[in-house]
Structures are given as structure tokens and as C-alpha cells.
């Protein structure tokens, strides 16, 4: 099973019915987005963030998700919305012309749900879609923010070796599915999430000529000891400057 299938089935209800913004999302959105900006939200799910933006007065909003069922549901939540909801995959956004958007929103950890072999395609597409000096707001699963990760990764590496499987040590199965423990997490064909290291993200974004504007972890906003989220704001450098 892959993450797309998971979101079409057991995780659909949980993610589709979420509403409102987290404090950290509101912080970044209000800080970096102006009313006149052309906005694209990636991995919108049921439209939670895009609808919140519309309620805040933003009007130039497009949003996509690769789960057709999610987009169909998002559209019917408000039949008078001006948001343009589309079915698309973050690794191939050829339906959008180059330099279409002032701001990209890649929250809800969308990049972490993409198979590792295709992550670079998603970063390249995001860079292509931004106008010069445009800004992208990311959230990622943070490898160093969850203490169980090294132990879990070691156990999985052994299991995968015995099965002659090859996957990245940072590609980990979901610990919970539909808010219930995933008792099969060491089994075959598990949906995987990729947990990023801060230094690899900075290196990859800078290699694409992004400038890093801000980095924060979830504990900055929540005050909790858990630091499982990494937020990065990056700006596309103007090649003419």
C-alpha cells in the first residue's frame, strides 16, 4: 500500500474533515502572504488551509491534491468558493505554467509523503512554479525531533535486509493508522513517510538557488518537548539580480 491509497481509504475521513489553522500555520501565512499574491497550496486534502485563507480575505487561491476523492469533497464544502481546486501530483505539475505563483504553501508535510526517489522532482517543480523572489512555506517530518526514529530505523533495516528489500533509513512506516496503532509496521508493503534531516533540506534547497528565510521546529510554537515538525520558509532567487 502507498500513501495515496491510504488517503483514499482509511485516512480519508480523518483528513477530509479537519478545519481551521494551527497556530504555527497562521504565523507563517500571515507573515509571508499579502492579499494580492497568487497562491498555490499543495496537498490540500479537504481544503482546510485554503478555505481558512479565503475566510481571512485572500482571494487568488489555487489548491491541488493527488487524491481525486479529496478534491471532489473540497469542492462541495462551499459551492460559492472562488478557490480553484485541481487534481495533480506534486512531482509533476505541468498543468501550471512556469512562474505562475507568488507564494507556494507546502504545509501538511506533503513532501514527506512522497517516495524518496521522487522527492527531488517535487522540489524542482515547486521551484519552477514560483515567480522570481517568490516564497514557499514548507513543513516536514523532522528526523531529529522524534526519539524513536533511530531505534525504529535500525529494526526496520534488519527486517528489510532479511527480506532483501532496499529503502532509505529515513523512510519509516506510520506508527498509527486511523488513530490506531499500526501493528503491522514491520511488515511488507507498508505506506512510508520520509523524515528529513535539517542539514539535508538546507543543502537541497540551496542547490536549487533558494534562499532560506526562516527555520523553526514545532516546539517553538507548542512549547512541548516533542519536536517532530520542521518548518522552513525559502525564497526563489531572482536570476537577474
C-alpha atoms as a PDB file:
ATOM      1  CA  UNK A   1       0.000   0.000   0.000  1.00  0.00           C
ATOM      2  CA  UNK A   2       1.191   3.527  -0.735  1.00  0.00           C
ATOM      3  CA  UNK A   3       0.198   6.850   0.847  1.00  0.00           C
ATOM      4  CA  UNK A   4      -2.220   7.743  -1.950  1.00  0.00           C
ATOM      5  CA  UNK A   5      -4.182   4.546  -1.384  1.00  0.00           C
ATOM      6  CA  UNK A   6      -4.120   5.201   2.346  1.00  0.00           C
ATOM      7  CA  UNK A   7      -5.623   8.687   1.926  1.00  0.00           C
ATOM      8  CA  UNK A   8      -8.271   7.307  -0.411  1.00  0.00           C
ATOM      9  CA  UNK A   9      -9.365   4.772   2.189  1.00  0.00           C
ATOM     10  CA  UNK A  10      -8.729   4.554   5.938  1.00  0.00           C
ATOM     11  CA  UNK A  11      -7.262   8.062   6.388  1.00  0.00           C
ATOM     12  CA  UNK A  12      -9.820   9.864   4.234  1.00  0.00           C
ATOM     13  CA  UNK A  13     -12.376  10.773   6.882  1.00  0.00           C
ATOM     14  CA  UNK A  14      -9.738  11.937   9.369  1.00  0.00           C
ATOM     15  CA  UNK A  15      -8.002  14.322   6.959  1.00  0.00           C
ATOM     16  CA  UNK A  16     -11.030  15.404   4.969  1.00  0.00           C
ATOM     17  CA  UNK A  17     -12.955  16.833   7.917  1.00  0.00           C
ATOM     18  CA  UNK A  18     -10.182  18.857   9.546  1.00  0.00           C
ATOM     19  CA  UNK A  19     -10.872  22.590   9.809  1.00  0.00           C
ATOM     20  CA  UNK A  20      -9.049  25.769  10.792  1.00  0.00           C
ATOM     21  CA  UNK A  21      -5.376  26.646  11.097  1.00  0.00           C
ATOM     22  CA  UNK A  22      -2.756  25.576  13.595  1.00  0.00           C
ATOM     23  CA  UNK A  23      -1.050  28.466  15.380  1.00  0.00           C
ATOM     24  CA  UNK A  24       2.195  27.826  13.516  1.00  0.00           C
ATOM     25  CA  UNK A  25       0.407  27.787  10.166  1.00  0.00           C
ATOM     26  CA  UNK A  26      -1.300  31.093  10.911  1.00  0.00           C
ATOM     27  CA  UNK A  27       2.062  32.565  11.946  1.00  0.00           C
ATOM     28  CA  UNK A  28       3.721  31.771   8.605  1.00  0.00           C
ATOM     29  CA  UNK A  29       0.749  32.522   6.383  1.00  0.00           C
ATOM     30  CA  UNK A  30       0.032  35.958   7.819  1.00  0.00           C
ATOM     31  CA  UNK A  31       3.731  36.833   7.899  1.00  0.00           C
ATOM     32  CA  UNK A  32       4.554  35.997   4.287  1.00  0.00           C
ATOM     33  CA  UNK A  33       1.356  36.275   2.228  1.00  0.00           C
ATOM     34  CA  UNK A  34      -0.256  39.505   1.016  1.00  0.00           C
ATOM     35  CA  UNK A  35      -3.744  39.949  -0.404  1.00  0.00           C
ATOM     36  CA  UNK A  36      -2.550  40.471  -3.975  1.00  0.00           C
ATOM     37  CA  UNK A  37      -0.413  37.321  -4.122  1.00  0.00           C
ATOM     38  CA  UNK A  38      -1.204  34.430  -6.426  1.00  0.00           C
ATOM     39  CA  UNK A  39      -1.238  31.445  -4.040  1.00  0.00           C
ATOM     40  CA  UNK A  40      -0.936  27.693  -4.624  1.00  0.00           C
ATOM     41  CA  UNK A  41      -1.488  25.163  -1.848  1.00  0.00           C
ATOM     42  CA  UNK A  42      -0.012  21.700  -2.382  1.00  0.00           C
ATOM     43  CA  UNK A  43      -1.579  18.626  -0.816  1.00  0.00           C
ATOM     44  CA  UNK A  44      -4.710  20.483   0.202  1.00  0.00           C
ATOM     45  CA  UNK A  45      -6.632  17.386   1.286  1.00  0.00           C
ATOM     46  CA  UNK A  46     -10.155  18.513   2.092  1.00  0.00           C
ATOM     47  CA  UNK A  47      -9.197  22.158   1.580  1.00  0.00           C
ATOM     48  CA  UNK A  48      -8.625  23.047   5.227  1.00  0.00           C
ATOM     49  CA  UNK A  49      -5.853  25.624   4.746  1.00  0.00           C
ATOM     50  CA  UNK A  50      -7.169  27.100   1.505  1.00  0.00           C
ATOM     51  CA  UNK A  51     -10.624  27.645   2.958  1.00  0.00           C
ATOM     52  CA  UNK A  52      -9.084  29.263   6.035  1.00  0.00           C
ATOM     53  CA  UNK A  53      -7.124  31.617   3.766  1.00  0.00           C
ATOM     54  CA  UNK A  54     -10.270  32.546   1.888  1.00  0.00           C
ATOM     55  CA  UNK A  55     -12.023  33.314   5.170  1.00  0.00           C
ATOM     56  CA  UNK A  56      -9.095  35.579   6.069  1.00  0.00           C
ATOM     57  CA  UNK A  57      -9.679  37.632   2.925  1.00  0.00           C
ATOM     58  CA  UNK A  58      -7.247  36.081   0.422  1.00  0.00           C
ATOM     59  CA  UNK A  59      -8.826  35.624  -3.000  1.00  0.00           C
ATOM     60  CA  UNK A  60      -6.230  34.392  -5.530  1.00  0.00           C
ATOM     61  CA  UNK A  61      -6.010  30.776  -4.363  1.00  0.00           C
ATOM     62  CA  UNK A  62      -5.409  27.521  -6.242  1.00  0.00           C
ATOM     63  CA  UNK A  63      -5.051  24.186  -4.474  1.00  0.00           C
ATOM     64  CA  UNK A  64      -4.279  20.639  -5.574  1.00  0.00           C
ATOM     65  CA  UNK A  65      -4.122  17.121  -4.226  1.00  0.00           C
ATOM     66  CA  UNK A  66      -3.341  13.811  -5.892  1.00  0.00           C
ATOM     67  CA  UNK A  67      -6.309  12.113  -4.225  1.00  0.00           C
ATOM     68  CA  UNK A  68      -9.277  12.779  -6.501  1.00  0.00           C
ATOM     69  CA  UNK A  69     -11.698  11.914  -3.706  1.00  0.00           C
ATOM     70  CA  UNK A  70     -10.220  14.685  -1.530  1.00  0.00           C
ATOM     71  CA  UNK A  71     -10.596  17.303  -4.259  1.00  0.00           C
ATOM     72  CA  UNK A  72     -14.165  16.251  -5.000  1.00  0.00           C
ATOM     73  CA  UNK A  73     -15.017  16.655  -1.315  1.00  0.00           C
ATOM     74  CA  UNK A  74     -13.218  20.004  -1.022  1.00  0.00           C
ATOM     75  CA  UNK A  75     -15.200  21.433  -3.918  1.00  0.00           C
ATOM     76  CA  UNK A  76     -18.610  20.649  -2.443  1.00  0.00           C
ATOM     77  CA  UNK A  77     -17.878  22.082   1.004  1.00  0.00           C
ATOM     78  CA  UNK A  78     -18.566  25.563  -0.330  1.00  0.00           C
ATOM     79  CA  UNK A  79     -20.153  25.780  -3.769  1.00  0.00           C
ATOM     80  CA  UNK A  80     -19.654  29.563  -3.906  1.00  0.00           C
ATOM     81  CA  UNK A  81     -15.903  29.463  -3.272  1.00  0.00           C
ATOM     82  CA  UNK A  82     -13.500  31.123  -5.694  1.00  0.00           C
ATOM     83  CA  UNK A  83     -10.732  28.644  -4.860  1.00  0.00           C
ATOM     84  CA  UNK A  84      -9.545  26.657  -7.869  1.00  0.00           C
ATOM     85  CA  UNK A  85      -9.299  23.020  -6.723  1.00  0.00           C
ATOM     86  CA  UNK A  86      -7.398  20.643  -9.018  1.00  0.00           C
ATOM     87  CA  UNK A  87      -6.232  17.023  -9.070  1.00  0.00           C
ATOM     88  CA  UNK A  88      -2.452  16.944  -9.523  1.00  0.00           C
ATOM     89  CA  UNK A  89       0.719  15.264  -8.267  1.00  0.00           C
ATOM     90  CA  UNK A  90       3.444  17.396  -6.645  1.00  0.00           C
ATOM     91  CA  UNK A  91       6.110  15.566  -8.666  1.00  0.00           C
ATOM     92  CA  UNK A  92       4.554  16.628 -11.997  1.00  0.00           C
ATOM     93  CA  UNK A  93       2.760  19.972 -12.074  1.00  0.00           C
ATOM     94  CA  UNK A  94       2.940  20.501 -15.818  1.00  0.00           C
ATOM     95  CA  UNK A  95      -0.666  21.781 -15.820  1.00  0.00           C
ATOM     96  CA  UNK A  96       0.704  25.026 -14.299  1.00  0.00           C
ATOM     97  CA  UNK A  97       2.896  27.359 -16.402  1.00  0.00           C
ATOM     98  CA  UNK A  98       6.368  28.262 -15.155  1.00  0.00           C
ATOM     99  CA  UNK A  99       6.423  31.241 -12.807  1.00  0.00           C
ATOM    100  CA  UNK A 100       2.675  31.180 -12.087  1.00  0.00           C
ATOM    101  CA  UNK A 101       2.667  31.903  -8.364  1.00  0.00           C
ATOM    102  CA  UNK A 102       3.957  34.428  -5.831  1.00  0.00           C
ATOM    103  CA  UNK A 103       3.522  32.063  -2.887  1.00  0.00           C
ATOM    104  CA  UNK A 104       3.506  28.283  -2.527  1.00  0.00           C
ATOM    105  CA  UNK A 105       2.157  26.541   0.575  1.00  0.00           C
ATOM    106  CA  UNK A 106       3.637  23.098   1.164  1.00  0.00           C
ATOM    107  CA  UNK A 107       2.343  22.569   4.665  1.00  0.00           C
ATOM    108  CA  UNK A 108       0.697  19.357   5.919  1.00  0.00           C
ATOM    109  CA  UNK A 109       4.070  17.645   5.335  1.00  0.00           C
ATOM    110  CA  UNK A 110       3.257  16.876   1.708  1.00  0.00           C
ATOM    111  CA  UNK A 111       6.904  16.329   0.701  1.00  0.00           C
ATOM    112  CA  UNK A 112       7.353  13.745   3.468  1.00  0.00           C
ATOM    113  CA  UNK A 113       4.629  11.562   1.914  1.00  0.00           C
ATOM    114  CA  UNK A 114       6.353  11.399  -1.475  1.00  0.00           C
ATOM    115  CA  UNK A 115       8.589   8.351  -2.198  1.00  0.00           C
ATOM    116  CA  UNK A 116      12.244   9.277  -1.655  1.00  0.00           C
ATOM    117  CA  UNK A 117      13.132   8.608  -5.293  1.00  0.00           C
ATOM    118  CA  UNK A 118      10.666  11.294  -6.415  1.00  0.00           C
ATOM    119  CA  UNK A 119      11.275  13.974  -3.781  1.00  0.00           C
ATOM    120  CA  UNK A 120      13.750  15.857  -5.971  1.00  0.00           C
ATOM    121  CA  UNK A 121      11.093  16.099  -8.695  1.00  0.00           C
ATOM    122  CA  UNK A 122       8.712  17.772  -6.227  1.00  0.00           C
ATOM    123  CA  UNK A 123      11.348  20.325  -5.202  1.00  0.00           C
ATOM    124  CA  UNK A 124      12.163  21.065  -8.855  1.00  0.00           C
ATOM    125  CA  UNK A 125       8.504  21.596  -9.713  1.00  0.00           C
ATOM    126  CA  UNK A 126       7.987  23.909  -6.760  1.00  0.00           C
ATOM    127  CA  UNK A 127      10.980  25.991  -7.812  1.00  0.00           C
ATOM    128  CA  UNK A 128       9.702  26.160 -11.401  1.00  0.00           C
ATOM    129  CA  UNK A 129       6.241  27.377 -10.399  1.00  0.00           C
ATOM    130  CA  UNK A 130       7.465  30.277  -8.272  1.00  0.00           C
ATOM    131  CA  UNK A 131       7.975  33.724  -9.729  1.00  0.00           C
ATOM    132  CA  UNK A 132      11.429  35.279  -9.137  1.00  0.00           C
ATOM    133  CA  UNK A 133      11.636  36.321  -5.475  1.00  0.00           C
ATOM    134  CA  UNK A 134       8.571  34.173  -4.749  1.00  0.00           C
ATOM    135  CA  UNK A 135       8.337  32.411  -1.382  1.00  0.00           C
ATOM    136  CA  UNK A 136       7.467  28.855  -0.408  1.00  0.00           C
ATOM    137  CA  UNK A 137       6.389  27.731   3.073  1.00  0.00           C
ATOM    138  CA  UNK A 138       7.229  24.117   3.910  1.00  0.00           C
ATOM    139  CA  UNK A 139       6.605  21.734   6.774  1.00  0.00           C
ATOM    140  CA  UNK A 140       8.489  18.453   7.028  1.00  0.00           C
ATOM    141  CA  UNK A 141       8.666  15.494   9.356  1.00  0.00           C
ATOM    142  CA  UNK A 142      11.783  16.109  11.452  1.00  0.00           C
ATOM    143  CA  UNK A 143      14.138  13.127  11.834  1.00  0.00           C
ATOM    144  CA  UNK A 144      15.865  14.561  14.893  1.00  0.00           C
ATOM    145  CA  UNK A 145      12.604  15.518  16.556  1.00  0.00           C
ATOM    146  CA  UNK A 146      11.322  12.037  17.382  1.00  0.00           C
ATOM    147  CA  UNK A 147      13.461   9.965  19.747  1.00  0.00           C
ATOM    148  CA  UNK A 148      12.161   6.626  18.496  1.00  0.00           C
ATOM    149  CA  UNK A 149      13.366   7.174  14.938  1.00  0.00           C
ATOM    150  CA  UNK A 150      16.936   5.771  15.194  1.00  0.00           C
ATOM    151  CA  UNK A 151      15.768   2.652  17.037  1.00  0.00           C
ATOM    152  CA  UNK A 152      12.838   2.091  14.696  1.00  0.00           C
ATOM    153  CA  UNK A 153      15.059   2.626  11.674  1.00  0.00           C
ATOM    154  CA  UNK A 154      17.637   0.093  12.926  1.00  0.00           C
ATOM    155  CA  UNK A 155      14.978  -2.582  13.499  1.00  0.00           C
ATOM    156  CA  UNK A 156      13.452  -1.906  10.100  1.00  0.00           C
ATOM    157  CA  UNK A 157      16.845  -2.073   8.412  1.00  0.00           C
ATOM    158  CA  UNK A 158      17.341  -5.578   9.814  1.00  0.00           C
ATOM    159  CA  UNK A 159      13.861  -6.693   8.736  1.00  0.00           C
ATOM    160  CA  UNK A 160      14.340  -5.237   5.271  1.00  0.00           C
ATOM    161  CA  UNK A 161      17.772  -6.842   4.914  1.00  0.00           C
ATOM    162  CA  UNK A 162      16.329 -10.255   5.743  1.00  0.00           C
ATOM    163  CA  UNK A 163      13.649  -9.719   3.090  1.00  0.00           C
ATOM    164  CA  UNK A 164      16.195  -8.409   0.579  1.00  0.00           C
ATOM    165  CA  UNK A 165      14.460  -5.008   0.449  1.00  0.00           C
ATOM    166  CA  UNK A 166      16.235  -1.698  -0.026  1.00  0.00           C
ATOM    167  CA  UNK A 167      14.767   1.516   1.327  1.00  0.00           C
ATOM    168  CA  UNK A 168      16.195   4.602   2.974  1.00  0.00           C
ATOM    169  CA  UNK A 169      16.837   4.527   6.714  1.00  0.00           C
ATOM    170  CA  UNK A 170      14.763   7.712   6.976  1.00  0.00           C
ATOM    171  CA  UNK A 171      11.729   6.168   5.266  1.00  0.00           C
ATOM    172  CA  UNK A 172       9.591   4.938   8.140  1.00  0.00           C
ATOM    173  CA  UNK A 173       6.121   3.377   8.376  1.00  0.00           C
ATOM    174  CA  UNK A 174       3.205   5.073  10.055  1.00  0.00           C
ATOM    175  CA  UNK A 175       3.048   4.288  13.774  1.00  0.00           C
ATOM    176  CA  UNK A 176      -0.701   4.864  13.705  1.00  0.00           C
ATOM    177  CA  UNK A 177      -3.327   4.354  11.032  1.00  0.00           C
ATOM    178  CA  UNK A 178      -6.712   5.991  11.539  1.00  0.00           C
ATOM    179  CA  UNK A 179      -5.520   6.977  15.034  1.00  0.00           C
ATOM    180  CA  UNK A 180      -4.945   3.318  15.949  1.00  0.00           C
ATOM    181  CA  UNK A 181      -1.594   1.560  16.470  1.00  0.00           C
ATOM    182  CA  UNK A 182      -0.175   0.093  13.279  1.00  0.00           C
ATOM    183  CA  UNK A 183       0.617  -3.424  14.464  1.00  0.00           C
ATOM    184  CA  UNK A 184       1.949  -4.364  11.015  1.00  0.00           C
ATOM    185  CA  UNK A 185       4.586  -1.637  10.797  1.00  0.00           C
ATOM    186  CA  UNK A 186       7.394  -4.177  10.364  1.00  0.00           C
ATOM    187  CA  UNK A 187       5.540  -5.995   7.592  1.00  0.00           C
ATOM    188  CA  UNK A 188       5.904  -5.738   3.851  1.00  0.00           C
ATOM    189  CA  UNK A 189       4.361  -3.041   1.666  1.00  0.00           C
ATOM    190  CA  UNK A 190       3.800  -0.505   4.407  1.00  0.00           C
ATOM    191  CA  UNK A 191       2.974   3.107   3.483  1.00  0.00           C
ATOM    192  CA  UNK A 192       6.091   5.128   4.300  1.00  0.00           C
ATOM    193  CA  UNK A 193       6.852   8.668   5.383  1.00  0.00           C
ATOM    194  CA  UNK A 194      10.230  10.302   4.841  1.00  0.00           C
ATOM    195  CA  UNK A 195      11.769  12.038   7.887  1.00  0.00           C
ATOM    196  CA  UNK A 196      14.151  14.808   6.850  1.00  0.00           C
ATOM    197  CA  UNK A 197      17.344  15.941   8.488  1.00  0.00           C
ATOM    198  CA  UNK A 198      17.662  19.699   8.739  1.00  0.00           C
ATOM    199  CA  UNK A 199      21.059  19.804   7.045  1.00  0.00           C
ATOM    200  CA  UNK A 200      19.926  17.775   4.023  1.00  0.00           C
ATOM    201  CA  UNK A 201      16.966  20.101   3.481  1.00  0.00           C
ATOM    202  CA  UNK A 202      19.104  23.209   3.598  1.00  0.00           C
ATOM    203  CA  UNK A 203      21.583  21.673   1.159  1.00  0.00           C
ATOM    204  CA  UNK A 204      18.886  20.574  -1.274  1.00  0.00           C
ATOM    205  CA  UNK A 205      17.049  23.885  -1.246  1.00  0.00           C
ATOM    206  CA  UNK A 206      20.213  25.925  -1.626  1.00  0.00           C
ATOM    207  CA  UNK A 207      21.297  23.711  -4.539  1.00  0.00           C
ATOM    208  CA  UNK A 208      18.124  24.883  -6.317  1.00  0.00           C
ATOM    209  CA  UNK A 209      19.010  28.548  -5.691  1.00  0.00           C
ATOM    210  CA  UNK A 210      16.564  29.010  -2.841  1.00  0.00           C
ATOM    211  CA  UNK A 211      17.490  31.372  -0.041  1.00  0.00           C
ATOM    212  CA  UNK A 212      16.454  30.191   3.426  1.00  0.00           C
ATOM    213  CA  UNK A 213      14.460  32.928   5.180  1.00  0.00           C
ATOM    214  CA  UNK A 214      13.344  31.156   8.337  1.00  0.00           C
ATOM    215  CA  UNK A 215      13.575  27.777  10.074  1.00  0.00           C
ATOM    216  CA  UNK A 216      11.594  26.734  13.113  1.00  0.00           C
ATOM    217  CA  UNK A 217      10.598  23.481  14.791  1.00  0.00           C
ATOM    218  CA  UNK A 218       7.224  22.622  16.290  1.00  0.00           C
ATOM    219  CA  UNK A 219       8.382  23.109  19.872  1.00  0.00           C
ATOM    220  CA  UNK A 220       8.910  26.825  19.173  1.00  0.00           C
ATOM    221  CA  UNK A 221       5.151  27.170  18.810  1.00  0.00           C
ATOM    222  CA  UNK A 222       3.818  24.500  21.155  1.00  0.00           C
ATOM    223  CA  UNK A 223       6.362  24.578  23.977  1.00  0.00           C
ATOM    224  CA  UNK A 224       6.203  20.780  24.047  1.00  0.00           C
ATOM    225  CA  UNK A 225       9.267  18.573  24.267  1.00  0.00           C
ATOM    226  CA  UNK A 226       8.286  16.801  21.042  1.00  0.00           C
ATOM    227  CA  UNK A 227       9.903  18.425  18.009  1.00  0.00           C
ATOM    228  CA  UNK A 228       8.598  16.251  15.206  1.00  0.00           C
ATOM    229  CA  UNK A 229       7.918  19.057  12.737  1.00  0.00           C
ATOM    230  CA  UNK A 230      10.354  21.248  10.857  1.00  0.00           C
ATOM    231  CA  UNK A 231       9.153  24.460   9.199  1.00  0.00           C
ATOM    232  CA  UNK A 232      11.224  26.148   6.502  1.00  0.00           C
ATOM    233  CA  UNK A 233      10.483  29.310   4.523  1.00  0.00           C
ATOM    234  CA  UNK A 234      12.529  29.745   1.352  1.00  0.00           C
ATOM    235  CA  UNK A 235      12.701  32.360  -1.392  1.00  0.00           C
ATOM    236  CA  UNK A 236      13.482  31.800  -5.043  1.00  0.00           C
ATOM    237  CA  UNK A 237      16.429  33.911  -6.042  1.00  0.00           C
ATOM    238  CA  UNK A 238      15.879  36.241  -8.964  1.00  0.00           C
ATOM    239  CA  UNK A 239      18.367  35.069 -11.632  1.00  0.00           C
ATOM    240  CA  UNK A 240      18.667  38.657 -12.897  1.00  0.00           C
ATOM    241  CA  UNK A 241      19.638  40.129  -9.535  1.00  0.00           C
END
